[in-house]
Amino acid sequence: MIEVLQTGPLNTVQDLGRFGFRNAGVTSSGAMDRLALMVGNLLVGNDEGEAVVEVQTFPFRLRFERDMTVAITGADCDARVDGRRLPPWWALPVSSGQVLELEAPRRSARAYLSFAGGIDVEPVMGSRSTSLRGGFGGLEGRFLAANDRLAIGGALACAVPPGGFGALPPAAALAEHFPASEDGTLLVRAIPAGEYVLFGAEAERFWSQTWKISSQSDRTGYRLSGEPIRLASPVELRSHGVVPGVVQMPPSGEPIIQMSDANTAGGYPKIAGVIDVDLWRLGQARIGSRIRFVQSSVAEARGAERAVQAYLDDIRRTLPMLTQALAAMSRR
């Protein structure tokens, strides 16, 4: 078990999401930064989709009620165990009674806590993810509160060195596969969507201007502020299915990017779709930060996906090698 000592609103249990129910109006939910979740699980020896704690409001503190292995990935939030500072993207063994503390990150938005064995809450429709809008999944369908206790399932430890070990953060390991700007603006690759042509000459400004993530943004969608983009002529559309990454253009002319708790349907024109491999970067974007869309292609998206898969495969290969080396040392 782990006990939550201090938390803020919106910190929840999440896994990779709930799929196959959008036709019934059920959002997928799941981690905003799926890559951080997968890496954390791999570092502690889990299947990559086990349930974790997603932390987006700080400070956050918990106590371990028995020995186990934990990994901290995602935002660098000055993690400490009993006051000892930990590197980012790090896994380590912890003992019963020790306290883990996370402070507000210097950059990025969300941290992920993965535990060997995964968080053992009751699955709902095949997922342990919390749906705050639906009030189900995770821990009673709500965000975490002080004094909550979470059970850890399966094995509670994996073979890691006493001081722990970590992975190279994807922002560094995959830098050549993700566009970067000199002024710190997040470059997000997207592909023109179904109603793109309806914006006529206005569509070019979607790519050329810099957008700001507004305070009206959450896990459902990011609302962007900027110079409005209007349809070339009025049009009425029937509601259609939407998924995370779809960029809709409401009457205000300022885009909405559907995120992990994306609506299942909507009638706003779709101007673009963010490529799936860039969604984890958007999930780490903070309110008030600036983004610019970069027109991409299916071929480029597939190339980036292969690079991410190779990064994950490298981590998968490393853990068994480390386990074998530790076992050999213990036999000496």
C-alpha atoms as a PDB file:
ATOM      1  CA  MET A   1       0.000   0.000   0.000  1.00  0.00           C
ATOM      2  CA  ILE A   2       0.913   3.646  -0.386  1.00  0.00           C
ATOM      3  CA  GLU A   3      -0.674   6.499   1.568  1.00  0.00           C
ATOM      4  CA  VAL A   4      -1.242   9.950   0.054  1.00  0.00           C
ATOM      5  CA  LEU A   5      -0.070  12.568   2.555  1.00  0.00           C
ATOM      6  CA  GLN A   6      -0.455  15.756   0.520  1.00  0.00           C
ATOM      7  CA  THR A   7      -2.001  16.431  -2.868  1.00  0.00           C
ATOM      8  CA  GLY A   8      -3.901  18.975  -4.921  1.00  0.00           C
ATOM      9  CA  PRO A   9      -6.873  18.670  -7.264  1.00  0.00           C
ATOM     10  CA  LEU A  10      -6.729  16.707 -10.523  1.00  0.00           C
ATOM     11  CA  ASN A  11      -4.068  14.159  -9.482  1.00  0.00           C
ATOM     12  CA  THR A  12      -5.459  10.806 -10.574  1.00  0.00           C
ATOM     13  CA  VAL A  13      -4.830   7.144 -11.290  1.00  0.00           C
ATOM     14  CA  GLN A  14      -4.293   6.612 -15.025  1.00  0.00           C
ATOM     15  CA  ASP A  15      -3.161   3.910 -17.434  1.00  0.00           C
ATOM     16  CA  LEU A  16      -3.013   3.943 -21.240  1.00  0.00           C
ATOM     17  CA  GLY A  17      -6.746   4.502 -21.570  1.00  0.00           C
ATOM     18  CA  ARG A  18     -10.159   2.943 -22.065  1.00  0.00           C
ATOM     19  CA  PHE A  19     -10.882   1.907 -25.642  1.00  0.00           C
ATOM     20  CA  GLY A  20     -13.796   0.476 -27.586  1.00  0.00           C
ATOM     21  CA  PHE A  21     -16.591   2.491 -25.947  1.00  0.00           C
ATOM     22  CA  ARG A  22     -16.560   5.837 -27.761  1.00  0.00           C
ATOM     23  CA  ASN A  23     -19.687   4.796 -29.658  1.00  0.00           C
ATOM     24  CA  ALA A  24     -21.413   4.796 -26.250  1.00  0.00           C
ATOM     25  CA  GLY A  25     -20.079   8.256 -25.387  1.00  0.00           C
ATOM     26  CA  VAL A  26     -17.257   6.999 -23.103  1.00  0.00           C
ATOM     27  CA  THR A  27     -14.003   8.933 -23.414  1.00  0.00           C
ATOM     28  CA  SER A  28     -10.703   7.063 -23.513  1.00  0.00           C
ATOM     29  CA  SER A  29      -9.081   9.007 -20.623  1.00  0.00           C
ATOM     30  CA  GLY A  30      -5.551   7.718 -19.858  1.00  0.00           C
ATOM     31  CA  ALA A  31      -2.261   9.502 -19.306  1.00  0.00           C
ATOM     32  CA  MET A  32      -1.692  12.876 -20.925  1.00  0.00           C
ATOM     33  CA  ASP A  33       1.940  11.834 -21.449  1.00  0.00           C
ATOM     34  CA  ARG A  34       1.662   8.194 -22.489  1.00  0.00           C
ATOM     35  CA  LEU A  35       5.374   7.917 -23.160  1.00  0.00           C
ATOM     36  CA  ALA A  36       6.291   8.875 -19.582  1.00  0.00           C
ATOM     37  CA  LEU A  37       3.811   6.300 -18.286  1.00  0.00           C
ATOM     38  CA  MET A  38       5.236   3.542 -20.474  1.00  0.00           C
ATOM     39  CA  VAL A  39       8.858   4.296 -19.579  1.00  0.00           C
ATOM     40  CA  GLY A  40       8.067   4.401 -15.857  1.00  0.00           C
ATOM     41  CA  ASN A  41       6.368   1.028 -16.025  1.00  0.00           C
ATOM     42  CA  LEU A  42       9.249  -0.514 -17.949  1.00  0.00           C
ATOM     43  CA  LEU A  43      11.762   0.799 -15.415  1.00  0.00           C
ATOM     44  CA  VAL A  44      10.019  -1.043 -12.571  1.00  0.00           C
ATOM     45  CA  GLY A  45       9.502  -4.248 -14.554  1.00  0.00           C
ATOM     46  CA  ASN A  46       5.788  -3.823 -15.306  1.00  0.00           C
ATOM     47  CA  ASP A  47       3.868  -4.279 -18.504  1.00  0.00           C
ATOM     48  CA  GLU A  48       3.926  -0.840 -20.093  1.00  0.00           C
ATOM     49  CA  GLY A  49       0.216  -0.179 -19.567  1.00  0.00           C
ATOM     50  CA  GLU A  50      -0.067  -0.684 -15.782  1.00  0.00           C
ATOM     51  CA  ALA A  51      -1.889   1.957 -13.747  1.00  0.00           C
ATOM     52  CA  VAL A  52       0.185   4.819 -12.273  1.00  0.00           C
ATOM     53  CA  VAL A  53      -0.381   8.117 -10.471  1.00  0.00           C
ATOM     54  CA  GLU A  54      -0.472  11.166 -12.751  1.00  0.00           C
ATOM     55  CA  VAL A  55       0.524  14.293 -10.802  1.00  0.00           C
ATOM     56  CA  GLN A  56      -0.291  17.714 -12.261  1.00  0.00           C
ATOM     57  CA  THR A  57      -0.794  19.800  -9.122  1.00  0.00           C
ATOM     58  CA  PHE A  58       1.978  20.160  -6.570  1.00  0.00           C
ATOM     59  CA  PRO A  59       3.348  19.629  -3.978  1.00  0.00           C
ATOM     60  CA  PHE A  60       2.583  15.935  -3.747  1.00  0.00           C
ATOM     61  CA  ARG A  61       3.693  13.617  -0.928  1.00  0.00           C
ATOM     62  CA  LEU A  62       3.117   9.940  -0.217  1.00  0.00           C
ATOM     63  CA  ARG A  63       4.337   7.329   2.259  1.00  0.00           C
ATOM     64  CA  PHE A  64       5.287   3.771   1.361  1.00  0.00           C
ATOM     65  CA  GLU A  65       3.675   1.228   3.653  1.00  0.00           C
ATOM     66  CA  ARG A  66       5.954  -1.625   2.624  1.00  0.00           C
ATOM     67  CA  ASP A  67       9.131  -2.194   0.619  1.00  0.00           C
ATOM     68  CA  MET A  68       8.655  -1.732  -3.116  1.00  0.00           C
ATOM     69  CA  THR A  69      10.156  -0.250  -6.279  1.00  0.00           C
ATOM     70  CA  VAL A  70       9.031   3.108  -7.677  1.00  0.00           C
ATOM     71  CA  ALA A  71       9.885   5.144 -10.790  1.00  0.00           C
ATOM     72  CA  ILE A  72       9.414   8.870 -11.335  1.00  0.00           C
ATOM     73  CA  THR A  73       9.098  10.015 -14.959  1.00  0.00           C
ATOM     74  CA  GLY A  74       7.702  12.989 -16.856  1.00  0.00           C
ATOM     75  CA  ALA A  75       8.268  16.505 -15.524  1.00  0.00           C
ATOM     76  CA  ASP A  76      11.414  17.149 -13.461  1.00  0.00           C
ATOM     77  CA  CYS A  77       9.777  17.975 -10.121  1.00  0.00           C
ATOM     78  CA  ASP A  78      12.730  17.860  -7.706  1.00  0.00           C
ATOM     79  CA  ALA A  79      11.692  14.426  -6.401  1.00  0.00           C
ATOM     80  CA  ARG A  80      13.044  13.437  -2.991  1.00  0.00           C
ATOM     81  CA  VAL A  81      12.840  10.322  -0.834  1.00  0.00           C
ATOM     82  CA  ASP A  82      13.296  11.183   2.843  1.00  0.00           C
ATOM     83  CA  GLY A  83      14.916  14.417   1.702  1.00  0.00           C
ATOM     84  CA  ARG A  84      17.388  12.764  -0.680  1.00  0.00           C
ATOM     85  CA  ARG A  85      17.112  14.297  -4.145  1.00  0.00           C
ATOM     86  CA  LEU A  86      16.558  11.936  -7.069  1.00  0.00           C
ATOM     87  CA  PRO A  87      17.479  12.414 -10.734  1.00  0.00           C
ATOM     88  CA  PRO A  88      14.600  12.707 -13.224  1.00  0.00           C
ATOM     89  CA  TRP A  89      13.388   9.581 -15.037  1.00  0.00           C
ATOM     90  CA  TRP A  90      14.636   7.383 -12.210  1.00  0.00           C
ATOM     91  CA  ALA A  91      13.672   4.066 -10.577  1.00  0.00           C
ATOM     92  CA  LEU A  92      14.771   2.941  -7.125  1.00  0.00           C
ATOM     93  CA  PRO A  93      13.879   0.564  -4.278  1.00  0.00           C
ATOM     94  CA  VAL A  94      12.187   2.165  -1.274  1.00  0.00           C
ATOM     95  CA  SER A  95      11.451   0.910   2.215  1.00  0.00           C
ATOM     96  CA  SER A  96       8.351   0.895   4.369  1.00  0.00           C
ATOM     97  CA  GLY A  97       7.883   4.231   6.105  1.00  0.00           C
ATOM     98  CA  GLN A  98       9.871   6.303   3.608  1.00  0.00           C
ATOM     99  CA  VAL A  99       8.256   9.449   2.181  1.00  0.00           C
ATOM    100  CA  LEU A 100       8.386  10.606  -1.453  1.00  0.00           C
ATOM    101  CA  GLU A 101       7.943  14.317  -2.167  1.00  0.00           C
ATOM    102  CA  LEU A 102       7.388  16.067  -5.507  1.00  0.00           C
ATOM    103  CA  GLU A 103       7.646  19.841  -5.911  1.00  0.00           C
ATOM    104  CA  ALA A 104       6.340  22.051  -8.729  1.00  0.00           C
ATOM    105  CA  PRO A 105       8.359  21.310 -11.892  1.00  0.00           C
ATOM    106  CA  ARG A 106      10.675  23.903 -13.404  1.00  0.00           C
ATOM    107  CA  ARG A 107       9.450  22.965 -16.870  1.00  0.00           C
ATOM    108  CA  SER A 108       6.724  20.697 -18.212  1.00  0.00           C
ATOM    109  CA  ALA A 109       3.434  19.965 -16.501  1.00  0.00           C
ATOM    110  CA  ARG A 110       2.987  16.377 -15.299  1.00  0.00           C
ATOM    111  CA  ALA A 111       4.925  13.746 -13.358  1.00  0.00           C
ATOM    112  CA  TYR A 112       4.182  10.022 -13.264  1.00  0.00           C
ATOM    113  CA  LEU A 113       4.719   7.598 -10.379  1.00  0.00           C
ATOM    114  CA  SER A 114       4.965   3.948 -11.394  1.00  0.00           C
ATOM    115  CA  PHE A 115       5.134   1.102  -8.857  1.00  0.00           C
ATOM    116  CA  ALA A 116       6.326  -2.458  -9.456  1.00  0.00           C
ATOM    117  CA  GLY A 117       3.094  -4.431  -9.672  1.00  0.00           C
ATOM    118  CA  GLY A 118       0.989  -1.436 -10.710  1.00  0.00           C
ATOM    119  CA  ILE A 119      -1.783   0.332  -8.811  1.00  0.00           C
ATOM    120  CA  ASP A 120      -4.471  -2.198  -7.960  1.00  0.00           C
ATOM    121  CA  VAL A 121      -7.826  -0.493  -8.411  1.00  0.00           C
ATOM    122  CA  GLU A 122     -10.865  -2.137  -9.949  1.00  0.00           C
ATOM    123  CA  PRO A 123     -10.855  -1.997 -13.778  1.00  0.00           C
ATOM    124  CA  VAL A 124     -13.890  -0.391 -15.396  1.00  0.00           C
ATOM    125  CA  MET A 125     -14.508  -1.279 -19.040  1.00  0.00           C
ATOM    126  CA  GLY A 126     -11.051  -2.775 -19.288  1.00  0.00           C
ATOM    127  CA  SER A 127      -9.111   0.166 -17.829  1.00  0.00           C
ATOM    128  CA  ARG A 128      -8.066   1.532 -14.440  1.00  0.00           C
ATOM    129  CA  SER A 129      -7.937   5.112 -15.760  1.00  0.00           C
ATOM    130  CA  THR A 130      -9.912   7.780 -13.916  1.00  0.00           C
ATOM    131  CA  SER A 131     -12.685   9.453 -15.885  1.00  0.00           C
ATOM    132  CA  LEU A 132     -13.344  12.629 -13.896  1.00  0.00           C
ATOM    133  CA  ARG A 133     -16.127  13.662 -16.242  1.00  0.00           C
ATOM    134  CA  GLY A 134     -17.860  10.301 -15.900  1.00  0.00           C
ATOM    135  CA  GLY A 135     -17.042   9.817 -12.217  1.00  0.00           C
ATOM    136  CA  PHE A 136     -15.748   6.278 -12.620  1.00  0.00           C
ATOM    137  CA  GLY A 137     -12.476   4.369 -12.837  1.00  0.00           C
ATOM    138  CA  GLY A 138      -9.333   4.999 -10.800  1.00  0.00           C
ATOM    139  CA  LEU A 139     -10.086   5.576  -7.122  1.00  0.00           C
ATOM    140  CA  GLU A 140     -13.873   5.985  -6.911  1.00  0.00           C
ATOM    141  CA  GLY A 141     -13.884   8.040 -10.104  1.00  0.00           C
ATOM    142  CA  ARG A 142     -12.285  11.052  -8.412  1.00  0.00           C
ATOM    143  CA  PHE A 143      -8.939  12.767  -7.967  1.00  0.00           C
ATOM    144  CA  LEU A 144      -6.754  11.773  -5.036  1.00  0.00           C
ATOM    145  CA  ALA A 145      -7.116  13.292  -1.579  1.00  0.00           C
ATOM    146  CA  ALA A 146      -4.950  13.334   1.540  1.00  0.00           C
ATOM    147  CA  ASN A 147      -5.183  10.088   3.543  1.00  0.00           C
ATOM    148  CA  ASP A 148      -6.149   8.010   0.495  1.00  0.00           C
ATOM    149  CA  ARG A 149      -4.484   4.602   0.421  1.00  0.00           C
ATOM    150  CA  LEU A 150      -3.750   2.760  -2.819  1.00  0.00           C
ATOM    151  CA  ALA A 151      -3.024  -0.943  -3.082  1.00  0.00           C
ATOM    152  CA  ILE A 152      -0.135  -2.180  -5.222  1.00  0.00           C
ATOM    153  CA  GLY A 153      -0.764  -5.375  -7.167  1.00  0.00           C
ATOM    154  CA  GLY A 154       1.441  -8.326  -8.045  1.00  0.00           C
ATOM    155  CA  ALA A 155       5.151  -8.291  -7.300  1.00  0.00           C
ATOM    156  CA  LEU A 156       6.238  -5.411  -5.089  1.00  0.00           C
ATOM    157  CA  ALA A 157       9.906  -5.248  -6.032  1.00  0.00           C
ATOM    158  CA  CYS A 158      12.147  -5.719  -9.013  1.00  0.00           C
ATOM    159  CA  ALA A 159      15.903  -6.017  -9.193  1.00  0.00           C
ATOM    160  CA  VAL A 160      17.400  -2.530  -9.285  1.00  0.00           C
ATOM    161  CA  PRO A 161      20.621  -1.273  -7.686  1.00  0.00           C
ATOM    162  CA  PRO A 162      20.241   0.184  -4.159  1.00  0.00           C
ATOM    163  CA  GLY A 163      20.828   3.686  -5.518  1.00  0.00           C
ATOM    164  CA  GLY A 164      18.496   3.106  -8.440  1.00  0.00           C
ATOM    165  CA  PHE A 165      18.938   3.627 -12.172  1.00  0.00           C
ATOM    166  CA  GLY A 166      17.233   5.630 -14.876  1.00  0.00           C
ATOM    167  CA  ALA A 167      16.500   6.230 -18.529  1.00  0.00           C
ATOM    168  CA  LEU A 168      17.594   9.071 -20.764  1.00  0.00           C
ATOM    169  CA  PRO A 169      14.543  11.370 -21.039  1.00  0.00           C
ATOM    170  CA  PRO A 170      12.902  11.150 -24.464  1.00  0.00           C
ATOM    171  CA  ALA A 171      13.329  14.885 -25.058  1.00  0.00           C
ATOM    172  CA  ALA A 172      17.090  14.214 -25.112  1.00  0.00           C
ATOM    173  CA  ALA A 173      17.148  10.682 -26.526  1.00  0.00           C
ATOM    174  CA  LEU A 174      14.808  11.567 -29.418  1.00  0.00           C
ATOM    175  CA  ALA A 175      15.819  15.178 -29.998  1.00  0.00           C
ATOM    176  CA  GLU A 176      16.677  14.638 -33.661  1.00  0.00           C
ATOM    177  CA  HIS A 177      13.212  13.195 -34.328  1.00  0.00           C
ATOM    178  CA  PHE A 178      11.223  16.097 -32.875  1.00  0.00           C
ATOM    179  CA  PRO A 179      11.287  19.663 -34.220  1.00  0.00           C
ATOM    180  CA  ALA A 180      12.604  22.377 -31.913  1.00  0.00           C
ATOM    181  CA  SER A 181      12.561  26.172 -32.043  1.00  0.00           C
ATOM    182  CA  GLU A 182      15.183  28.639 -30.886  1.00  0.00           C
ATOM    183  CA  ASP A 183      12.710  30.721 -28.857  1.00  0.00           C
ATOM    184  CA  GLY A 184      11.247  27.840 -26.844  1.00  0.00           C
ATOM    185  CA  THR A 185       7.956  27.659 -28.736  1.00  0.00           C
ATOM    186  CA  LEU A 186       6.706  24.073 -28.846  1.00  0.00           C
ATOM    187  CA  LEU A 187       6.526  22.884 -32.441  1.00  0.00           C
ATOM    188  CA  VAL A 188       3.658  20.436 -32.917  1.00  0.00           C
ATOM    189  CA  ARG A 189       3.327  18.423 -36.104  1.00  0.00           C
ATOM    190  CA  ALA A 190      -0.132  18.055 -37.609  1.00  0.00           C
ATOM    191  CA  ILE A 191      -1.798  16.926 -40.828  1.00  0.00           C
ATOM    192  CA  PRO A 192      -4.619  18.884 -42.543  1.00  0.00           C
ATOM    193  CA  ALA A 193      -8.005  17.372 -41.637  1.00  0.00           C
ATOM    194  CA  GLY A 194     -11.390  16.901 -43.306  1.00  0.00           C
ATOM    195  CA  GLU A 195     -12.633  20.491 -43.343  1.00  0.00           C
ATOM    196  CA  TYR A 196      -9.248  22.152 -43.913  1.00  0.00           C
ATOM    197  CA  VAL A 197     -10.194  23.329 -47.413  1.00  0.00           C
ATOM    198  CA  LEU A 198     -13.248  25.161 -46.049  1.00  0.00           C
ATOM    199  CA  PHE A 199     -10.952  27.773 -44.481  1.00  0.00           C
ATOM    200  CA  GLY A 200      -9.547  28.837 -47.856  1.00  0.00           C
ATOM    201  CA  ALA A 201      -6.661  31.325 -47.698  1.00  0.00           C
ATOM    202  CA  GLU A 202      -7.235  31.701 -43.938  1.00  0.00           C
ATOM    203  CA  ALA A 203      -5.852  28.172 -43.382  1.00  0.00           C
ATOM    204  CA  GLU A 204      -2.281  29.336 -43.983  1.00  0.00           C
ATOM    205  CA  ARG A 205      -2.350  31.397 -40.788  1.00  0.00           C
ATOM    206  CA  PHE A 206      -3.049  28.241 -38.794  1.00  0.00           C
ATOM    207  CA  TRP A 207       0.545  27.204 -39.528  1.00  0.00           C
ATOM    208  CA  SER A 208       2.276  30.571 -39.613  1.00  0.00           C
ATOM    209  CA  GLN A 209       1.153  32.121 -36.320  1.00  0.00           C
ATOM    210  CA  THR A 210       2.102  31.247 -32.740  1.00  0.00           C
ATOM    211  CA  TRP A 211      -0.726  30.130 -30.457  1.00  0.00           C
ATOM    212  CA  LYS A 212      -0.953  30.388 -26.668  1.00  0.00           C
ATOM    213  CA  ILE A 213      -2.464  27.625 -24.494  1.00  0.00           C
ATOM    214  CA  SER A 214      -5.219  29.453 -22.633  1.00  0.00           C
ATOM    215  CA  SER A 215      -6.325  29.061 -19.023  1.00  0.00           C
ATOM    216  CA  GLN A 216      -9.498  27.387 -20.301  1.00  0.00           C
ATOM    217  CA  SER A 217      -7.512  24.234 -21.047  1.00  0.00           C
ATOM    218  CA  ASP A 218      -7.719  20.872 -19.291  1.00  0.00           C
ATOM    219  CA  ARG A 219      -7.497  17.124 -19.917  1.00  0.00           C
ATOM    220  CA  THR A 220     -10.476  17.352 -22.297  1.00  0.00           C
ATOM    221  CA  GLY A 221      -8.894  19.891 -24.613  1.00  0.00           C
ATOM    222  CA  TYR A 222      -6.440  22.742 -25.016  1.00  0.00           C
ATOM    223  CA  ARG A 223      -8.055  26.012 -26.059  1.00  0.00           C
ATOM    224  CA  LEU A 224      -5.623  28.202 -27.958  1.00  0.00           C
ATOM    225  CA  SER A 225      -5.498  31.987 -28.084  1.00  0.00           C
ATOM    226  CA  GLY A 226      -4.391  33.848 -31.203  1.00  0.00           C
ATOM    227  CA  GLU A 227      -5.589  35.750 -34.250  1.00  0.00           C
ATOM    228  CA  PRO A 228      -8.923  34.105 -35.157  1.00  0.00           C
ATOM    229  CA  ILE A 229      -9.233  32.015 -38.312  1.00  0.00           C
ATOM    230  CA  ARG A 230     -12.603  32.104 -40.049  1.00  0.00           C
ATOM    231  CA  LEU A 231     -14.320  29.819 -42.518  1.00  0.00           C
ATOM    232  CA  ALA A 232     -14.308  31.069 -46.103  1.00  0.00           C
ATOM    233  CA  SER A 233     -18.121  30.852 -46.012  1.00  0.00           C
ATOM    234  CA  PRO A 234     -20.688  29.700 -43.415  1.00  0.00           C
ATOM    235  CA  VAL A 235     -21.223  25.935 -43.238  1.00  0.00           C
ATOM    236  CA  GLU A 236     -23.395  23.596 -41.168  1.00  0.00           C
ATOM    237  CA  LEU A 237     -21.936  20.216 -40.231  1.00  0.00           C
ATOM    238  CA  ARG A 238     -23.420  17.176 -38.588  1.00  0.00           C
ATOM    239  CA  SER A 239     -21.723  16.015 -35.403  1.00  0.00           C
ATOM    240  CA  HIS A 240     -18.952  13.529 -36.105  1.00  0.00           C
ATOM    241  CA  GLY A 241     -16.624  11.363 -34.054  1.00  0.00           C
ATOM    242  CA  VAL A 242     -13.485  12.971 -32.638  1.00  0.00           C
ATOM    243  CA  VAL A 243     -10.426  11.519 -30.935  1.00  0.00           C
ATOM    244  CA  PRO A 244      -7.397  12.930 -29.082  1.00  0.00           C
ATOM    245  CA  GLY A 245      -5.278  15.063 -31.410  1.00  0.00           C
ATOM    246  CA  VAL A 246      -8.152  16.415 -33.512  1.00  0.00           C
ATOM    247  CA  VAL A 247      -7.948  20.202 -33.855  1.00  0.00           C
ATOM    248  CA  GLN A 248     -11.393  21.792 -34.118  1.00  0.00           C
ATOM    249  CA  MET A 249     -12.220  25.357 -35.009  1.00  0.00           C
ATOM    250  CA  PRO A 250     -15.230  26.759 -33.087  1.00  0.00           C
ATOM    251  CA  PRO A 251     -17.030  29.952 -34.147  1.00  0.00           C
ATOM    252  CA  SER A 252     -14.546  32.034 -32.129  1.00  0.00           C
ATOM    253  CA  GLY A 253     -11.884  31.137 -34.704  1.00  0.00           C
ATOM    254  CA  GLU A 254      -9.442  29.949 -32.013  1.00  0.00           C
ATOM    255  CA  PRO A 255      -8.526  26.238 -32.174  1.00  0.00           C
ATOM    256  CA  ILE A 256      -9.298  23.520 -29.632  1.00  0.00           C
ATOM    257  CA  ILE A 257      -6.987  20.484 -29.511  1.00  0.00           C
ATOM    258  CA  GLN A 258      -8.790  17.422 -28.178  1.00  0.00           C
ATOM    259  CA  MET A 259      -6.687  15.724 -25.481  1.00  0.00           C
ATOM    260  CA  SER A 260      -6.855  12.523 -23.377  1.00  0.00           C
ATOM    261  CA  ASP A 261     -10.416  13.117 -22.122  1.00  0.00           C
ATOM    262  CA  ALA A 262     -11.474  14.178 -25.614  1.00  0.00           C
ATOM    263  CA  ASN A 263     -15.146  14.510 -26.431  1.00  0.00           C
ATOM    264  CA  THR A 264     -16.462  11.528 -28.362  1.00  0.00           C
ATOM    265  CA  ALA A 265     -18.313  13.643 -30.933  1.00  0.00           C
ATOM    266  CA  GLY A 266     -18.597  17.247 -32.049  1.00  0.00           C
ATOM    267  CA  GLY A 267     -19.707  19.408 -34.931  1.00  0.00           C
ATOM    268  CA  TYR A 268     -16.973  22.038 -35.124  1.00  0.00           C
ATOM    269  CA  PRO A 269     -14.962  21.922 -38.368  1.00  0.00           C
ATOM    270  CA  LYS A 270     -11.723  19.947 -38.127  1.00  0.00           C
ATOM    271  CA  ILE A 271      -8.807  21.959 -39.461  1.00  0.00           C
ATOM    272  CA  ALA A 272      -6.002  19.514 -38.577  1.00  0.00           C
ATOM    273  CA  GLY A 273      -4.993  16.442 -36.587  1.00  0.00           C
ATOM    274  CA  VAL A 274      -1.886  16.368 -34.382  1.00  0.00           C
ATOM    275  CA  ILE A 275       0.178  13.281 -35.160  1.00  0.00           C
ATOM    276  CA  ASP A 276      -0.125  10.730 -32.372  1.00  0.00           C
ATOM    277  CA  VAL A 277       3.589  10.662 -31.617  1.00  0.00           C
ATOM    278  CA  ASP A 278       3.547  14.370 -30.690  1.00  0.00           C
ATOM    279  CA  LEU A 279       0.677  14.129 -28.198  1.00  0.00           C
ATOM    280  CA  TRP A 280       2.963  13.284 -25.266  1.00  0.00           C
ATOM    281  CA  ARG A 281       4.803  16.548 -25.826  1.00  0.00           C
ATOM    282  CA  LEU A 282       1.511  18.447 -25.813  1.00  0.00           C
ATOM    283  CA  GLY A 283       0.593  16.636 -22.602  1.00  0.00           C
ATOM    284  CA  GLN A 284       3.627  18.256 -20.955  1.00  0.00           C
ATOM    285  CA  ALA A 285       2.825  21.752 -22.243  1.00  0.00           C
ATOM    286  CA  ARG A 286       1.844  24.192 -19.510  1.00  0.00           C
ATOM    287  CA  ILE A 287      -0.971  26.720 -19.426  1.00  0.00           C
ATOM    288  CA  GLY A 288       0.336  29.943 -20.961  1.00  0.00           C
ATOM    289  CA  SER A 289       3.032  28.286 -23.065  1.00  0.00           C
ATOM    290  CA  ARG A 290       3.219  28.890 -26.786  1.00  0.00           C
ATOM    291  CA  ILE A 291       2.945  26.400 -29.623  1.00  0.00           C
ATOM    292  CA  ARG A 292       3.177  26.516 -33.382  1.00  0.00           C
ATOM    293  CA  PHE A 293       1.817  23.901 -35.758  1.00  0.00           C
ATOM    294  CA  VAL A 294       4.121  22.369 -38.353  1.00  0.00           C
ATOM    295  CA  GLN A 295       2.525  20.742 -41.375  1.00  0.00           C
ATOM    296  CA  SER A 296       3.532  17.083 -41.456  1.00  0.00           C
ATOM    297  CA  SER A 297       2.855  13.908 -43.420  1.00  0.00           C
ATOM    298  CA  VAL A 298       1.942  10.298 -42.741  1.00  0.00           C
ATOM    299  CA  ALA A 299       5.459   9.241 -43.741  1.00  0.00           C
ATOM    300  CA  GLU A 300       7.048  11.634 -41.227  1.00  0.00           C
ATOM    301  CA  ALA A 301       4.664  10.477 -38.494  1.00  0.00           C
ATOM    302  CA  ARG A 302       5.549   6.855 -39.119  1.00  0.00           C
ATOM    303  CA  GLY A 303       9.258   7.658 -39.017  1.00  0.00           C
ATOM    304  CA  ALA A 304       8.877   9.375 -35.647  1.00  0.00           C
ATOM    305  CA  GLU A 305       6.835   6.442 -34.334  1.00  0.00           C
ATOM    306  CA  ARG A 306       9.602   4.033 -35.314  1.00  0.00           C
ATOM    307  CA  ALA A 307      12.134   6.165 -33.429  1.00  0.00           C
ATOM    308  CA  VAL A 308       9.964   6.155 -30.278  1.00  0.00           C
ATOM    309  CA  GLN A 309       9.493   2.400 -30.564  1.00  0.00           C
ATOM    310  CA  ALA A 310      13.253   1.897 -30.834  1.00  0.00           C
ATOM    311  CA  TYR A 311      13.731   4.032 -27.714  1.00  0.00           C
ATOM    312  CA  LEU A 312      11.245   1.887 -25.776  1.00  0.00           C
ATOM    313  CA  ASP A 313      12.787  -1.327 -27.107  1.00  0.00           C
ATOM    314  CA  ASP A 314      16.191  -0.213 -25.856  1.00  0.00           C
ATOM    315  CA  ILE A 315      14.774   0.237 -22.350  1.00  0.00           C
ATOM    316  CA  ARG A 316      13.081  -3.175 -22.548  1.00  0.00           C
ATOM    317  CA  ARG A 317      16.418  -4.818 -23.409  1.00  0.00           C
ATOM    318  CA  THR A 318      18.351  -2.960 -20.721  1.00  0.00           C
ATOM    319  CA  LEU A 319      16.282  -4.040 -17.698  1.00  0.00           C
ATOM    320  CA  PRO A 320      16.814  -7.840 -18.115  1.00  0.00           C
ATOM    321  CA  MET A 321      20.533  -7.237 -18.648  1.00  0.00           C
ATOM    322  CA  LEU A 322      20.666  -5.229 -15.421  1.00  0.00           C
ATOM    323  CA  THR A 323      18.732  -7.907 -13.546  1.00  0.00           C
ATOM    324  CA  GLN A 324      21.148 -10.593 -14.732  1.00  0.00           C
ATOM    325  CA  ALA A 325      24.161  -8.508 -13.754  1.00  0.00           C
ATOM    326  CA  LEU A 326      22.768  -7.922 -10.252  1.00  0.00           C
ATOM    327  CA  ALA A 327      22.000 -11.621  -9.840  1.00  0.00           C
ATOM    328  CA  ALA A 328      25.553 -12.518 -10.884  1.00  0.00           C
ATOM    329  CA  MET A 329      26.985 -10.036  -8.373  1.00  0.00           C
ATOM    330  CA  SER A 330      24.864 -11.447  -5.553  1.00  0.00           C
ATOM    331  CA  ARG A 331      26.197 -14.956  -6.207  1.00  0.00           C
ATOM    332  CA  ARG A 332      29.803 -13.899  -5.784  1.00  0.00           C
END
